Amino acid sequence: MQCPSCGHDNIPGEDLCADCGMDLAGIDVKAWGVAPDDPLLRRKITGLPLKPALALGEDATVADAVAAMAEKREGCVFVTDEDGRLVGVVTERDVALRVAARGLAPGSVKLERVMTPDPFAVLAGDSLAFVLHRMGVDGYRHVPVVDEGRRLSGFLSIRTVLGVLAEL
């Protein structure tokens, strides 16, 4: 079975592509109105309108993150190490549940303490279908796009993805 994302020729019945790891379960069956040869399965993230990633270092405070999110009207801040590699993400929900609900002072709590470490990220060569799958299954609203060294290139929001789908 050929992987619709990378084109690798897999053994029939494989659940995951041996080359890129894409979920192949049921790919040979028409489901939810998407045929195996649908262009959506082949469309790559490359060329999609990425939003600039709002990123802060691990030593920034929650107050810094909230101020940055409010200024940029974003729902999350990506956390990077000193080399610019993605190491975490802090969302509005994290601030509400991990800081405010516990009565912590946002000005004294570092992001590394409340971030979700090692967040899911995609490469520009990954398929749009793969991103949609992960957004739907895992409930992500923001997916960072990184290079091979996990340096941020930008991010895809669910709004951006839905806008792209509306144009197909």
N, C-alpha and C. Protein backbone atom coordinates (compact mmCIF):
# COMPACT_ATOMS: atom_id res chain seq x y z
N MET A 1 0.85 -1.17 0.00
CA MET A 1 0.00 0.00 0.00
C MET A 1 0.90 1.23 0.00
N GLN A 2 0.61 2.17 -0.90
CA GLN A 2 1.42 3.37 -1.03
C GLN A 2 0.93 4.44 -0.05
N CYS A 3 1.86 5.03 0.70
CA CYS A 3 1.54 6.09 1.65
C CYS A 3 1.14 7.34 0.88
N PRO A 4 -0.03 7.92 1.19
CA PRO A 4 -0.46 9.12 0.48
C PRO A 4 0.36 10.36 0.87
N SER A 5 1.06 10.29 1.98
CA SER A 5 1.84 11.44 2.43
C SER A 5 3.21 11.50 1.77
N CYS A 6 3.95 10.38 1.82
CA CYS A 6 5.33 10.40 1.32
C CYS A 6 5.55 9.53 0.09
N GLY A 7 4.56 8.70 -0.26
CA GLY A 7 4.68 7.85 -1.44
C GLY A 7 5.40 6.54 -1.20
N HIS A 8 5.82 6.27 0.04
CA HIS A 8 6.54 5.03 0.34
C HIS A 8 5.64 3.83 0.08
N ASP A 9 6.20 2.78 -0.51
CA ASP A 9 5.46 1.57 -0.80
C ASP A 9 5.52 0.65 0.43
N ASN A 10 4.43 0.55 1.17
CA ASN A 10 4.36 -0.24 2.39
C ASN A 10 3.75 -1.61 2.13
N ILE A 11 3.96 -2.52 3.03
CA ILE A 11 3.36 -3.85 2.96
C ILE A 11 1.85 -3.69 3.16
N PRO A 12 1.02 -4.31 2.33
CA PRO A 12 -0.43 -4.19 2.50
C PRO A 12 -0.86 -4.59 3.92
N GLY A 13 -1.76 -3.78 4.48
CA GLY A 13 -2.26 -4.05 5.82
C GLY A 13 -1.49 -3.35 6.93
N GLU A 14 -0.38 -2.67 6.59
CA GLU A 14 0.39 -1.95 7.61
C GLU A 14 -0.46 -0.82 8.18
N ASP A 15 -0.35 -0.57 9.49
CA ASP A 15 -1.09 0.51 10.13
C ASP A 15 -0.35 1.83 10.06
N LEU A 16 0.99 1.79 10.02
CA LEU A 16 1.81 3.00 9.96
C LEU A 16 2.78 2.91 8.79
N CYS A 17 3.02 4.04 8.14
CA CYS A 17 4.00 4.09 7.06
C CYS A 17 5.39 3.84 7.65
N ALA A 18 6.13 2.95 7.05
CA ALA A 18 7.48 2.62 7.52
C ALA A 18 8.45 3.77 7.31
N ASP A 19 8.10 4.72 6.43
CA ASP A 19 9.01 5.83 6.14
C ASP A 19 8.68 7.08 6.95
N CYS A 20 7.42 7.55 6.91
CA CYS A 20 7.09 8.81 7.57
C CYS A 20 6.25 8.65 8.83
N GLY A 21 5.72 7.44 9.09
CA GLY A 21 4.94 7.20 10.30
C GLY A 21 3.48 7.59 10.20
N MET A 22 3.02 7.99 9.02
CA MET A 22 1.61 8.37 8.87
C MET A 22 0.71 7.18 9.17
N ASP A 23 -0.42 7.46 9.80
CA ASP A 23 -1.40 6.44 10.11
C ASP A 23 -2.04 5.96 8.81
N LEU A 24 -1.88 4.67 8.50
CA LEU A 24 -2.42 4.10 7.27
C LEU A 24 -3.67 3.25 7.52
N ALA A 25 -4.06 3.12 8.78
CA ALA A 25 -5.20 2.26 9.12
C ALA A 25 -6.44 2.75 8.37
N GLY A 26 -7.00 1.89 7.56
CA GLY A 26 -8.22 2.18 6.83
C GLY A 26 -8.04 3.09 5.64
N ILE A 27 -6.80 3.39 5.28
CA ILE A 27 -6.55 4.32 4.18
C ILE A 27 -7.03 3.77 2.84
N ASP A 28 -7.10 2.46 2.74
CA ASP A 28 -7.56 1.85 1.50
C ASP A 28 -9.08 1.73 1.44
N VAL A 29 -9.76 2.23 2.48
CA VAL A 29 -11.21 2.19 2.53
C VAL A 29 -11.73 3.62 2.45
N LYS A 30 -12.72 3.86 1.61
CA LYS A 30 -13.29 5.20 1.54
C LYS A 30 -14.04 5.47 2.84
N ALA A 31 -13.62 6.53 3.53
CA ALA A 31 -14.23 6.87 4.81
C ALA A 31 -14.50 8.36 4.86
N TRP A 32 -15.59 8.76 5.47
CA TRP A 32 -15.96 10.16 5.64
C TRP A 32 -15.91 10.90 4.32
N GLY A 33 -16.18 10.20 3.22
CA GLY A 33 -16.22 10.84 1.92
C GLY A 33 -14.87 11.16 1.32
N VAL A 34 -13.77 10.66 1.90
CA VAL A 34 -12.44 10.94 1.37
C VAL A 34 -11.89 9.67 0.74
N ALA A 35 -11.67 9.74 -0.56
CA ALA A 35 -11.12 8.60 -1.29
C ALA A 35 -9.60 8.56 -1.08
N PRO A 36 -8.99 7.38 -1.17
CA PRO A 36 -7.54 7.27 -0.98
C PRO A 36 -6.71 8.15 -1.92
N ASP A 37 -7.25 8.50 -3.08
CA ASP A 37 -6.49 9.32 -4.02
C ASP A 37 -6.88 10.81 -3.93
N ASP A 38 -7.62 11.20 -2.88
CA ASP A 38 -8.02 12.59 -2.70
C ASP A 38 -6.80 13.50 -2.57
N PRO A 39 -6.78 14.65 -3.24
CA PRO A 39 -5.63 15.56 -3.17
C PRO A 39 -5.33 16.06 -1.76
N LEU A 40 -6.33 16.08 -0.90
CA LEU A 40 -6.12 16.51 0.48
C LEU A 40 -5.07 15.65 1.17
N LEU A 41 -5.05 14.37 0.81
CA LEU A 41 -4.10 13.46 1.43
C LEU A 41 -2.67 13.72 0.94
N ARG A 42 -2.54 14.35 -0.21
CA ARG A 42 -1.21 14.62 -0.76
C ARG A 42 -0.73 16.04 -0.50
N ARG A 43 -1.62 16.94 -0.14
CA ARG A 43 -1.25 18.35 0.07
C ARG A 43 -0.32 18.47 1.26
N LYS A 44 0.80 19.12 1.04
CA LYS A 44 1.81 19.31 2.09
C LYS A 44 1.62 20.65 2.79
N ILE A 45 2.19 20.77 3.95
CA ILE A 45 2.13 22.01 4.71
C ILE A 45 2.92 23.10 3.99
N THR A 46 3.97 22.70 3.27
CA THR A 46 4.77 23.65 2.51
C THR A 46 3.84 24.50 1.64
N GLY A 47 3.98 25.79 1.72
CA GLY A 47 3.15 26.68 0.92
C GLY A 47 1.90 27.17 1.61
N LEU A 48 1.54 26.56 2.74
CA LEU A 48 0.38 27.05 3.49
C LEU A 48 0.77 28.33 4.22
N PRO A 49 -0.18 29.20 4.48
CA PRO A 49 0.13 30.45 5.16
C PRO A 49 0.38 30.24 6.67
N LEU A 50 1.64 30.04 7.03
CA LEU A 50 1.99 29.88 8.44
C LEU A 50 1.89 31.21 9.16
N LYS A 51 1.43 31.15 10.38
CA LYS A 51 1.43 32.35 11.21
C LYS A 51 2.77 32.42 11.92
N PRO A 52 3.30 33.63 12.14
CA PRO A 52 4.55 33.74 12.91
C PRO A 52 4.34 33.19 14.32
N ALA A 53 5.29 32.42 14.79
CA ALA A 53 5.17 31.81 16.11
C ALA A 53 5.50 32.82 17.19
N LEU A 54 4.63 32.94 18.17
CA LEU A 54 4.88 33.75 19.34
C LEU A 54 5.69 32.87 20.29
N ALA A 55 6.95 33.23 20.50
CA ALA A 55 7.84 32.36 21.29
C ALA A 55 8.54 33.16 22.38
N LEU A 56 8.68 32.52 23.53
CA LEU A 56 9.41 33.07 24.66
C LEU A 56 10.33 32.00 25.20
N GLY A 57 11.34 32.40 25.93
CA GLY A 57 12.26 31.45 26.55
C GLY A 57 11.68 30.82 27.80
N GLU A 58 12.28 29.76 28.24
CA GLU A 58 11.80 29.02 29.41
C GLU A 58 11.80 29.85 30.68
N ASP A 59 12.68 30.85 30.75
CA ASP A 59 12.79 31.69 31.95
C ASP A 59 11.79 32.83 31.98
N ALA A 60 11.05 33.05 30.91
CA ALA A 60 10.01 34.08 30.91
C ALA A 60 8.94 33.67 31.91
N THR A 61 8.21 34.66 32.40
CA THR A 61 7.16 34.38 33.38
C THR A 61 5.81 34.20 32.68
N VAL A 62 4.87 33.67 33.43
CA VAL A 62 3.51 33.53 32.93
C VAL A 62 2.94 34.91 32.62
N ALA A 63 3.27 35.91 33.43
CA ALA A 63 2.81 37.27 33.16
C ALA A 63 3.33 37.76 31.81
N ASP A 64 4.59 37.45 31.49
CA ASP A 64 5.15 37.80 30.18
C ASP A 64 4.35 37.13 29.06
N ALA A 65 4.03 35.87 29.26
CA ALA A 65 3.29 35.11 28.24
C ALA A 65 1.89 35.66 28.06
N VAL A 66 1.21 35.98 29.16
CA VAL A 66 -0.15 36.52 29.07
C VAL A 66 -0.13 37.86 28.35
N ALA A 67 0.84 38.71 28.68
CA ALA A 67 0.95 40.02 28.03
C ALA A 67 1.20 39.86 26.53
N ALA A 68 2.09 38.94 26.17
CA ALA A 68 2.39 38.70 24.75
C ALA A 68 1.18 38.14 24.01
N MET A 69 0.47 37.19 24.63
CA MET A 69 -0.72 36.62 23.99
C MET A 69 -1.79 37.69 23.80
N ALA A 70 -1.97 38.56 24.79
CA ALA A 70 -2.97 39.62 24.69
C ALA A 70 -2.60 40.61 23.59
N GLU A 71 -1.33 40.98 23.53
CA GLU A 71 -0.87 41.93 22.52
C GLU A 71 -1.04 41.40 21.10
N LYS A 72 -0.69 40.12 20.91
CA LYS A 72 -0.74 39.51 19.58
C LYS A 72 -2.07 38.84 19.28
N ARG A 73 -2.95 38.81 20.27
CA ARG A 73 -4.26 38.16 20.14
C ARG A 73 -4.11 36.69 19.73
N GLU A 74 -3.24 36.00 20.44
CA GLU A 74 -2.98 34.58 20.21
C GLU A 74 -3.39 33.78 21.44
N GLY A 75 -3.66 32.51 21.25
CA GLY A 75 -4.10 31.66 22.34
C GLY A 75 -3.01 30.83 22.97
N CYS A 76 -1.77 30.99 22.47
CA CYS A 76 -0.68 30.21 23.06
C CYS A 76 0.66 30.90 22.81
N VAL A 77 1.62 30.49 23.61
CA VAL A 77 3.00 30.91 23.46
C VAL A 77 3.83 29.65 23.36
N PHE A 78 4.70 29.59 22.35
CA PHE A 78 5.61 28.46 22.24
C PHE A 78 6.87 28.79 23.05
N VAL A 79 7.37 27.79 23.73
CA VAL A 79 8.53 27.99 24.60
C VAL A 79 9.74 27.37 23.91
N THR A 80 10.82 28.16 23.83
CA THR A 80 12.03 27.70 23.16
C THR A 80 13.21 27.74 24.11
N ASP A 81 14.21 26.90 23.82
CA ASP A 81 15.43 26.91 24.62
C ASP A 81 16.36 27.99 24.09
N GLU A 82 17.56 28.07 24.65
CA GLU A 82 18.50 29.13 24.27
C GLU A 82 18.95 29.03 22.81
N ASP A 83 18.77 27.86 22.18
CA ASP A 83 19.14 27.68 20.78
C ASP A 83 17.95 27.84 19.83
N GLY A 84 16.80 28.25 20.38
CA GLY A 84 15.61 28.46 19.56
C GLY A 84 14.84 27.21 19.23
N ARG A 85 15.16 26.10 19.90
CA ARG A 85 14.42 24.84 19.66
C ARG A 85 13.15 24.81 20.51
N LEU A 86 12.10 24.28 19.92
CA LEU A 86 10.82 24.15 20.61
C LEU A 86 10.94 23.16 21.76
N VAL A 87 10.60 23.59 22.97
CA VAL A 87 10.66 22.70 24.13
C VAL A 87 9.32 22.61 24.86
N GLY A 88 8.39 23.54 24.57
CA GLY A 88 7.12 23.51 25.26
C GLY A 88 6.11 24.46 24.66
N VAL A 89 4.91 24.41 25.21
CA VAL A 89 3.85 25.32 24.80
C VAL A 89 3.03 25.66 26.04
N VAL A 90 2.60 26.91 26.12
CA VAL A 90 1.71 27.37 27.19
C VAL A 90 0.49 27.97 26.52
N THR A 91 -0.68 27.46 26.88
CA THR A 91 -1.94 27.94 26.29
C THR A 91 -2.72 28.75 27.32
N GLU A 92 -3.76 29.41 26.84
CA GLU A 92 -4.66 30.13 27.75
C GLU A 92 -5.22 29.18 28.80
N ARG A 93 -5.54 27.99 28.37
CA ARG A 93 -6.08 26.99 29.30
C ARG A 93 -5.07 26.62 30.37
N ASP A 94 -3.79 26.49 29.98
CA ASP A 94 -2.73 26.20 30.96
C ASP A 94 -2.67 27.31 32.01
N VAL A 95 -2.77 28.56 31.57
CA VAL A 95 -2.72 29.68 32.50
C VAL A 95 -3.90 29.59 33.47
N ALA A 96 -5.08 29.29 32.94
CA ALA A 96 -6.26 29.21 33.80
C ALA A 96 -6.17 28.06 34.80
N LEU A 97 -5.77 26.87 34.33
CA LEU A 97 -5.80 25.69 35.18
C LEU A 97 -4.54 25.48 36.02
N ARG A 98 -3.38 25.86 35.50
CA ARG A 98 -2.13 25.59 36.21
C ARG A 98 -1.61 26.79 37.01
N VAL A 99 -2.17 27.95 36.76
CA VAL A 99 -1.70 29.14 37.47
C VAL A 99 -2.85 29.78 38.26
N ALA A 100 -3.85 30.30 37.55
CA ALA A 100 -4.93 31.02 38.21
C ALA A 100 -5.71 30.15 39.19
N ALA A 101 -6.05 28.93 38.78
CA ALA A 101 -6.85 28.04 39.65
C ALA A 101 -6.09 27.65 40.91
N ARG A 102 -4.77 27.72 40.86
CA ARG A 102 -3.95 27.36 42.02
C ARG A 102 -3.54 28.59 42.84
N GLY A 103 -3.97 29.74 42.39
CA GLY A 103 -3.66 30.97 43.12
C GLY A 103 -2.20 31.38 43.04
N LEU A 104 -1.51 30.97 41.98
CA LEU A 104 -0.10 31.32 41.83
C LEU A 104 0.03 32.73 41.25
N ALA A 105 1.12 33.39 41.55
CA ALA A 105 1.37 34.74 41.05
C ALA A 105 2.00 34.66 39.66
N PRO A 106 1.31 35.10 38.62
CA PRO A 106 1.82 34.98 37.25
C PRO A 106 3.19 35.64 37.04
N GLY A 107 3.49 36.67 37.81
CA GLY A 107 4.76 37.37 37.67
C GLY A 107 5.95 36.62 38.22
N SER A 108 5.69 35.59 39.02
CA SER A 108 6.81 34.84 39.62
C SER A 108 6.91 33.39 39.14
N VAL A 109 5.95 32.96 38.34
CA VAL A 109 5.96 31.58 37.84
C VAL A 109 6.61 31.54 36.46
N LYS A 110 7.67 30.75 36.32
CA LYS A 110 8.37 30.61 35.04
C LYS A 110 7.59 29.68 34.12
N LEU A 111 7.71 29.91 32.82
CA LEU A 111 7.00 29.09 31.84
C LEU A 111 7.39 27.62 31.92
N GLU A 112 8.66 27.36 32.20
CA GLU A 112 9.10 25.96 32.25
C GLU A 112 8.34 25.17 33.31
N ARG A 113 7.77 25.85 34.30
CA ARG A 113 7.03 25.18 35.37
C ARG A 113 5.62 24.79 34.96
N VAL A 114 5.02 25.53 34.04
CA VAL A 114 3.62 25.28 33.68
C VAL A 114 3.42 24.86 32.23
N MET A 115 4.48 24.85 31.44
CA MET A 115 4.34 24.51 30.02
C MET A 115 4.06 23.01 29.83
N THR A 116 3.47 22.70 28.70
CA THR A 116 3.37 21.31 28.27
C THR A 116 4.67 21.03 27.53
N PRO A 117 5.50 20.13 28.10
CA PRO A 117 6.82 19.90 27.48
C PRO A 117 6.73 19.07 26.20
N ASP A 118 7.73 19.28 25.33
CA ASP A 118 7.89 18.51 24.10
C ASP A 118 6.57 18.37 23.33
N PRO A 119 5.99 19.49 22.93
CA PRO A 119 4.69 19.41 22.24
C PRO A 119 4.80 18.78 20.86
N PHE A 120 3.68 18.24 20.42
CA PHE A 120 3.57 17.71 19.07
C PHE A 120 3.88 18.83 18.09
N ALA A 121 4.67 18.55 17.08
CA ALA A 121 5.01 19.52 16.05
C ALA A 121 5.10 18.79 14.72
N VAL A 122 4.96 19.54 13.63
CA VAL A 122 5.04 18.96 12.30
C VAL A 122 6.16 19.61 11.51
N LEU A 123 6.58 18.92 10.46
CA LEU A 123 7.56 19.44 9.53
C LEU A 123 6.82 19.97 8.31
N ALA A 124 7.43 20.90 7.59
CA ALA A 124 6.79 21.49 6.42
C ALA A 124 6.43 20.44 5.37
N GLY A 125 7.16 19.33 5.32
CA GLY A 125 6.89 18.28 4.35
C GLY A 125 5.77 17.33 4.74
N ASP A 126 5.22 17.47 5.95
CA ASP A 126 4.12 16.62 6.38
C ASP A 126 2.85 17.01 5.63
N SER A 127 1.91 16.07 5.57
CA SER A 127 0.68 16.33 4.82
C SER A 127 -0.33 17.09 5.66
N LEU A 128 -1.17 17.85 4.97
CA LEU A 128 -2.26 18.56 5.62
C LEU A 128 -3.21 17.56 6.29
N ALA A 129 -3.42 16.43 5.67
CA ALA A 129 -4.29 15.40 6.24
C ALA A 129 -3.75 14.92 7.59
N PHE A 130 -2.44 14.78 7.69
CA PHE A 130 -1.82 14.35 8.95
C PHE A 130 -2.07 15.39 10.04
N VAL A 131 -1.90 16.67 9.71
CA VAL A 131 -2.14 17.74 10.69
C VAL A 131 -3.60 17.74 11.12
N LEU A 132 -4.51 17.65 10.15
CA LEU A 132 -5.94 17.62 10.46
C LEU A 132 -6.28 16.45 11.38
N HIS A 133 -5.71 15.30 11.08
CA HIS A 133 -5.95 14.11 11.90
C HIS A 133 -5.53 14.37 13.35
N ARG A 134 -4.32 14.87 13.54
CA ARG A 134 -3.83 15.12 14.89
C ARG A 134 -4.63 16.22 15.59
N MET A 135 -5.01 17.26 14.85
CA MET A 135 -5.83 18.31 15.46
C MET A 135 -7.16 17.74 15.93
N GLY A 136 -7.77 16.90 15.10
CA GLY A 136 -9.06 16.33 15.44
C GLY A 136 -8.99 15.31 16.56
N VAL A 137 -8.04 14.40 16.48
CA VAL A 137 -7.93 13.33 17.48
C VAL A 137 -7.45 13.86 18.82
N ASP A 138 -6.44 14.74 18.78
CA ASP A 138 -5.83 15.20 20.03
C ASP A 138 -6.37 16.54 20.51
N GLY A 139 -7.20 17.20 19.73
CA GLY A 139 -7.82 18.44 20.15
C GLY A 139 -6.91 19.66 20.10
N TYR A 140 -5.90 19.62 19.24
CA TYR A 140 -4.99 20.76 19.13
C TYR A 140 -5.64 21.88 18.33
N ARG A 141 -5.47 23.12 18.80
CA ARG A 141 -5.92 24.29 18.04
C ARG A 141 -4.75 24.99 17.38
N HIS A 142 -3.54 24.72 17.89
CA HIS A 142 -2.32 25.34 17.36
C HIS A 142 -1.27 24.25 17.21
N VAL A 143 -0.70 24.13 16.02
CA VAL A 143 0.32 23.12 15.77
C VAL A 143 1.58 23.83 15.26
N PRO A 144 2.68 23.74 16.02
CA PRO A 144 3.91 24.37 15.56
C PRO A 144 4.51 23.62 14.38
N VAL A 145 5.10 24.38 13.47
CA VAL A 145 5.82 23.83 12.33
C VAL A 145 7.30 24.09 12.61
N VAL A 146 8.08 23.02 12.59
CA VAL A 146 9.50 23.12 12.93
C VAL A 146 10.36 22.57 11.81
N ASP A 147 11.66 22.89 11.87
CA ASP A 147 12.59 22.28 10.93
C ASP A 147 13.13 21.00 11.57
N GLU A 148 14.06 20.35 10.92
CA GLU A 148 14.60 19.09 11.43
C GLU A 148 15.25 19.23 12.81
N GLY A 149 15.72 20.44 13.14
CA GLY A 149 16.34 20.68 14.44
C GLY A 149 15.36 21.18 15.48
N ARG A 150 14.06 21.12 15.19
CA ARG A 150 12.97 21.58 16.05
C ARG A 150 12.99 23.09 16.29
N ARG A 151 13.55 23.84 15.34
CA ARG A 151 13.47 25.30 15.41
C ARG A 151 12.17 25.73 14.75
N LEU A 152 11.48 26.66 15.38
CA LEU A 152 10.17 27.09 14.91
C LEU A 152 10.23 27.81 13.56
N SER A 153 9.35 27.40 12.67
CA SER A 153 9.17 28.09 11.39
C SER A 153 7.92 28.95 11.43
N GLY A 154 7.00 28.60 12.30
CA GLY A 154 5.71 29.26 12.44
C GLY A 154 4.73 28.25 13.01
N PHE A 155 3.44 28.54 12.87
CA PHE A 155 2.47 27.55 13.33
C PHE A 155 1.21 27.61 12.49
N LEU A 156 0.48 26.53 12.54
CA LEU A 156 -0.82 26.44 11.90
C LEU A 156 -1.89 26.49 12.98
N SER A 157 -2.87 27.33 12.78
CA SER A 157 -4.00 27.36 13.70
C SER A 157 -5.15 26.63 13.03
N ILE A 158 -6.11 26.22 13.81
CA ILE A 158 -7.27 25.53 13.24
C ILE A 158 -8.00 26.47 12.28
N ARG A 159 -8.00 27.77 12.57
CA ARG A 159 -8.65 28.73 11.66
C ARG A 159 -7.96 28.75 10.30
N THR A 160 -6.63 28.74 10.31
CA THR A 160 -5.88 28.73 9.05
C THR A 160 -6.20 27.47 8.26
N VAL A 161 -6.19 26.34 8.93
CA VAL A 161 -6.44 25.06 8.26
C VAL A 161 -7.86 25.03 7.69
N LEU A 162 -8.82 25.49 8.46
CA LEU A 162 -10.21 25.52 7.96
C LEU A 162 -10.34 26.47 6.78
N GLY A 163 -9.62 27.58 6.79
CA GLY A 163 -9.63 28.50 5.66
C GLY A 163 -9.08 27.85 4.40
N VAL A 164 -7.99 27.08 4.54
CA VAL A 164 -7.41 26.37 3.41
C VAL A 164 -8.40 25.33 2.88
N LEU A 165 -9.06 24.62 3.77
CA LEU A 165 -10.03 23.61 3.35
C LEU A 165 -11.21 24.24 2.62
N ALA A 166 -11.62 25.41 3.06
CA ALA A 166 -12.75 26.09 2.41
C ALA A 166 -12.42 26.48 0.98
N GLU A 167 -11.13 26.68 0.69
CA GLU A 167 -10.71 27.07 -0.66
C GLU A 167 -10.53 25.87 -1.59
N LEU A 168 -10.47 24.65 -1.04
CA LEU A 168 -10.27 23.46 -1.89
C LEU A 168 -11.51 23.15 -2.70
